[in-house]
Amino acid sequence: MHWFFTADHSESAGFPLHVVRVMSGWLPVVINSLLTAAIAYAGYRQYVVAQKLFDLQNAIETQKNKVSLFLRIKVRERDNVHGLRSAVVEVSNLSPFGIWLESLTIFETEHNTRNIQVEDVLAAGATFRYLIRDEIVKLCGITSNDQKASAVISAIVNYTTSEKNESAETPRYRVTVGSYEVQSLFLDEGKSLERRT
């Protein structure tokens, strides 16, 4: 037996004929199986990418429709009405749409609160300001000009979107009041925000 072509073609390209016949039978099956596996893997990868794009789109839509408010309490220098140093609650709407402000609650403890009805629209990019000197004086229990007191206060704003009623809260602030005016205001962690000089 020779490993090259012969006249009776019993061997082909140096392989015995039975090997060529076996290879010609299973080689297309192997190639078709590999191609099917590659197509199935490509389909799976396409599904994974499509799912990630869908999740990303949902996250973008959720973030776009989420209300984003910035709340703080800060000292406001002498007001025009009484000439006294006050504090102001600021609610800034960072959302791309307006919200309906229901109410503002200034509180020292759960049982010592002052409620203010706001009932106004806060447009996108706008800031609502409310002077709270009188509320702080009442929360601290100041009844005469010579009294001085301090308290830890916070403010909660209740608002409505097209979907539901929600609320947001400022950090806690330590405030000192004397002579019916705000003398100092600190974040409750102890860092001074505004201080009378």
Protein backbone atom coordinates (compact mmCIF):
# COMPACT_ATOMS: atom_id res chain seq x y z
CA MET A 1 0.00 0.00 0.00
CA HIS A 2 1.35 3.39 -1.02
CA TRP A 3 0.53 6.78 0.55
CA PHE A 4 -0.08 8.60 -2.71
CA PHE A 5 -2.63 8.64 -5.51
CA THR A 6 -3.12 5.46 -7.41
CA ALA A 7 -5.01 4.71 -10.57
CA ASP A 8 -7.89 2.98 -8.77
CA HIS A 9 -8.38 5.96 -6.40
CA SER A 10 -8.47 3.64 -3.41
CA GLU A 11 -6.38 6.21 -1.58
CA SER A 12 -6.79 9.98 -1.73
CA ALA A 13 -4.15 12.59 -0.93
CA GLY A 14 -2.12 10.11 0.96
CA PHE A 15 -4.99 9.07 3.29
CA PRO A 16 -6.65 5.71 3.14
CA LEU A 17 -10.10 5.93 1.53
CA HIS A 18 -11.97 4.80 4.63
CA VAL A 19 -10.43 7.73 6.61
CA VAL A 20 -11.50 10.17 3.89
CA ARG A 21 -15.02 8.74 3.92
CA VAL A 22 -15.26 9.01 7.71
CA MET A 23 -13.93 12.58 7.65
CA SER A 24 -16.29 13.57 4.89
CA GLY A 25 -19.18 12.31 7.03
CA TRP A 26 -18.48 13.94 10.39
CA LEU A 27 -16.54 17.06 9.31
CA PRO A 28 -19.68 18.91 8.08
CA VAL A 29 -21.45 17.92 11.31
CA VAL A 30 -18.61 19.36 13.40
CA ILE A 31 -18.47 22.55 11.32
CA ASN A 32 -22.27 22.97 11.51
CA SER A 33 -22.17 22.38 15.27
CA LEU A 34 -19.43 24.97 15.72
CA LEU A 35 -21.29 27.51 13.56
CA THR A 36 -24.53 26.86 15.49
CA ALA A 37 -22.70 27.33 18.81
CA ALA A 38 -21.11 30.58 17.55
CA ILE A 39 -24.51 31.90 16.41
CA ALA A 40 -26.11 30.91 19.72
CA TYR A 41 -23.30 32.64 21.67
CA ALA A 42 -23.66 35.78 19.51
CA GLY A 43 -27.41 35.75 20.19
CA TYR A 44 -26.78 35.43 23.92
CA ARG A 45 -24.28 38.31 23.88
CA GLN A 46 -26.78 40.42 21.93
CA TYR A 47 -29.39 39.68 24.62
CA VAL A 48 -26.95 40.68 27.39
CA VAL A 49 -26.09 43.97 25.66
CA ALA A 50 -29.78 44.70 24.96
CA GLN A 51 -30.64 44.01 28.63
CA LYS A 52 -27.90 46.35 29.82
CA LEU A 53 -29.08 49.07 27.44
CA PHE A 54 -32.64 48.58 28.69
CA ASP A 55 -31.50 48.85 32.32
CA LEU A 56 -29.50 51.98 31.49
CA GLN A 57 -32.51 53.57 29.78
CA ASN A 58 -34.69 52.75 32.81
CA ALA A 59 -32.08 54.28 35.15
CA ILE A 60 -31.96 57.45 33.02
CA GLU A 61 -35.76 57.74 33.01
CA THR A 62 -35.95 57.12 36.76
CA GLN A 63 -33.30 59.76 37.45
CA LYS A 64 -34.95 62.22 35.07
CA ASN A 65 -38.28 61.87 36.90
CA LYS A 66 -36.76 61.97 40.40
CA VAL A 67 -37.26 65.02 42.59
CA SER A 68 -33.97 66.54 43.70
CA LEU A 69 -34.12 69.20 46.42
CA PHE A 70 -31.39 71.04 48.28
CA LEU A 71 -32.49 72.17 51.76
CA ARG A 72 -30.60 74.22 54.30
CA ILE A 73 -31.03 76.68 57.11
CA LYS A 74 -28.74 79.69 57.12
CA VAL A 75 -28.35 82.98 58.95
CA ARG A 76 -29.77 86.02 57.28
CA GLU A 77 -28.40 89.36 58.33
CA ARG A 78 -30.75 91.97 59.76
CA ASP A 79 -34.22 91.80 58.23
CA ASN A 80 -35.95 94.91 56.93
CA VAL A 81 -38.98 94.61 59.19
CA HIS A 82 -37.52 94.39 62.70
CA GLY A 83 -33.82 95.03 62.12
CA LEU A 84 -33.03 91.71 63.80
CA ARG A 85 -30.75 88.92 62.68
CA SER A 86 -32.81 85.97 61.47
CA ALA A 87 -32.49 82.51 59.99
CA VAL A 88 -33.96 81.40 56.72
CA VAL A 89 -34.95 77.99 55.39
CA GLU A 90 -34.03 77.60 51.73
CA VAL A 91 -35.54 74.91 49.52
CA SER A 92 -33.92 74.76 46.06
CA ASN A 93 -35.57 72.65 43.37
CA LEU A 94 -32.80 71.00 41.32
CA SER A 95 -35.30 68.87 39.38
CA PRO A 96 -36.15 69.49 35.71
CA PHE A 97 -39.81 70.05 36.66
CA GLY A 98 -41.81 72.00 39.21
CA ILE A 99 -43.28 70.69 42.45
CA TRP A 100 -46.09 71.78 44.76
CA LEU A 101 -44.87 72.81 48.22
CA GLU A 102 -47.47 71.83 50.82
CA SER A 103 -45.98 72.81 54.17
CA LEU A 104 -42.84 73.46 56.14
CA THR A 105 -42.30 72.11 59.65
CA ILE A 106 -39.62 73.52 61.93
CA PHE A 107 -38.97 71.26 64.89
CA GLU A 108 -36.76 70.92 67.91
CA THR A 109 -38.24 67.68 69.19
CA GLU A 110 -41.12 65.54 68.08
CA HIS A 111 -43.44 67.43 70.43
CA ASN A 112 -42.01 70.93 69.92
CA THR A 113 -42.81 71.91 66.33
CA ARG A 114 -43.96 74.89 64.31
CA ASN A 115 -46.01 74.20 61.17
CA ILE A 116 -46.17 76.66 58.28
CA GLN A 117 -48.59 76.22 55.38
CA VAL A 118 -46.79 77.11 52.15
CA GLU A 119 -49.12 75.92 49.37
CA ASP A 120 -47.13 77.28 46.45
CA VAL A 121 -45.48 76.06 43.26
CA LEU A 122 -41.70 75.74 43.28
CA ALA A 123 -40.58 75.90 39.67
CA ALA A 124 -37.61 73.97 38.28
CA GLY A 125 -34.37 75.70 39.25
CA ALA A 126 -36.13 78.04 41.72
CA THR A 127 -35.46 78.55 45.44
CA PHE A 128 -38.11 79.07 48.11
CA ARG A 129 -37.01 81.08 51.17
CA TYR A 130 -38.84 81.44 54.47
CA LEU A 131 -37.68 83.49 57.46
CA ILE A 132 -37.95 81.43 60.64
CA ARG A 133 -36.75 83.81 63.38
CA ASP A 134 -40.16 83.89 65.06
CA GLU A 135 -40.48 80.10 64.91
CA ILE A 136 -37.01 79.62 66.42
CA VAL A 137 -37.73 82.13 69.20
CA LYS A 138 -40.93 80.22 70.05
CA LEU A 139 -39.22 76.83 69.85
CA CYS A 140 -36.52 78.06 72.25
CA GLY A 141 -39.13 79.46 74.63
CA ILE A 142 -37.81 83.04 74.57
CA THR A 143 -40.36 85.38 76.19
CA SER A 144 -38.29 88.43 77.06
CA ASN A 145 -35.52 90.49 75.53
CA ASP A 146 -32.92 89.45 78.12
CA GLN A 147 -33.36 85.69 77.67
CA LYS A 148 -30.90 83.54 75.76
CA ALA A 149 -31.43 79.90 74.73
CA SER A 150 -30.16 77.33 72.31
CA ALA A 151 -31.73 74.35 70.62
CA VAL A 152 -31.08 71.77 67.93
CA ILE A 153 -33.53 72.32 65.10
CA SER A 154 -34.35 70.89 61.71
CA ALA A 155 -36.88 71.59 58.97
CA ILE A 156 -39.04 69.22 56.94
CA VAL A 157 -40.69 70.29 53.71
CA ASN A 158 -43.72 68.35 52.47
CA TYR A 159 -44.30 68.49 48.73
CA THR A 160 -46.34 66.86 46.00
CA THR A 161 -45.33 65.73 42.54
CA SER A 162 -47.59 64.38 39.84
CA GLU A 163 -47.02 60.93 41.32
CA LYS A 164 -47.18 61.19 45.12
CA ASN A 165 -46.70 63.15 48.34
CA GLU A 166 -43.16 63.21 49.67
CA SER A 167 -41.00 65.01 52.21
CA ALA A 168 -37.37 66.06 52.59
CA GLU A 169 -35.44 67.14 55.67
CA THR A 170 -32.58 69.52 56.36
CA PRO A 171 -29.60 68.48 58.45
CA ARG A 172 -29.86 69.25 62.18
CA TYR A 173 -28.58 72.67 63.26
CA ARG A 174 -27.66 74.03 66.69
CA VAL A 175 -29.02 77.55 67.03
CA THR A 176 -28.56 80.14 69.78
CA VAL A 177 -31.16 82.87 70.20
CA GLY A 178 -30.91 85.97 72.36
CA SER A 179 -32.59 89.38 72.34
CA TYR A 180 -35.17 87.93 69.94
CA GLU A 181 -32.59 87.34 67.23
CA VAL A 182 -30.44 84.47 65.96
CA GLN A 183 -26.94 84.83 67.41
CA SER A 184 -25.27 81.70 66.03
CA LEU A 185 -26.07 78.75 63.81
CA PHE A 186 -24.00 75.57 63.58
CA LEU A 187 -24.43 72.22 61.92
CA ASP A 188 -25.15 69.81 64.75
CA GLU A 189 -21.78 68.10 64.15
CA GLY A 190 -20.20 71.25 65.59
CA LYS A 191 -18.92 73.00 62.46
CA SER A 192 -19.81 76.69 62.48
CA LEU A 193 -21.84 77.88 59.51
CA GLU A 194 -22.62 81.44 60.58
CA ARG A 195 -21.58 83.18 63.74
CA ARG A 196 -22.28 86.60 65.08
CA THR A 197 -19.15 88.72 65.49
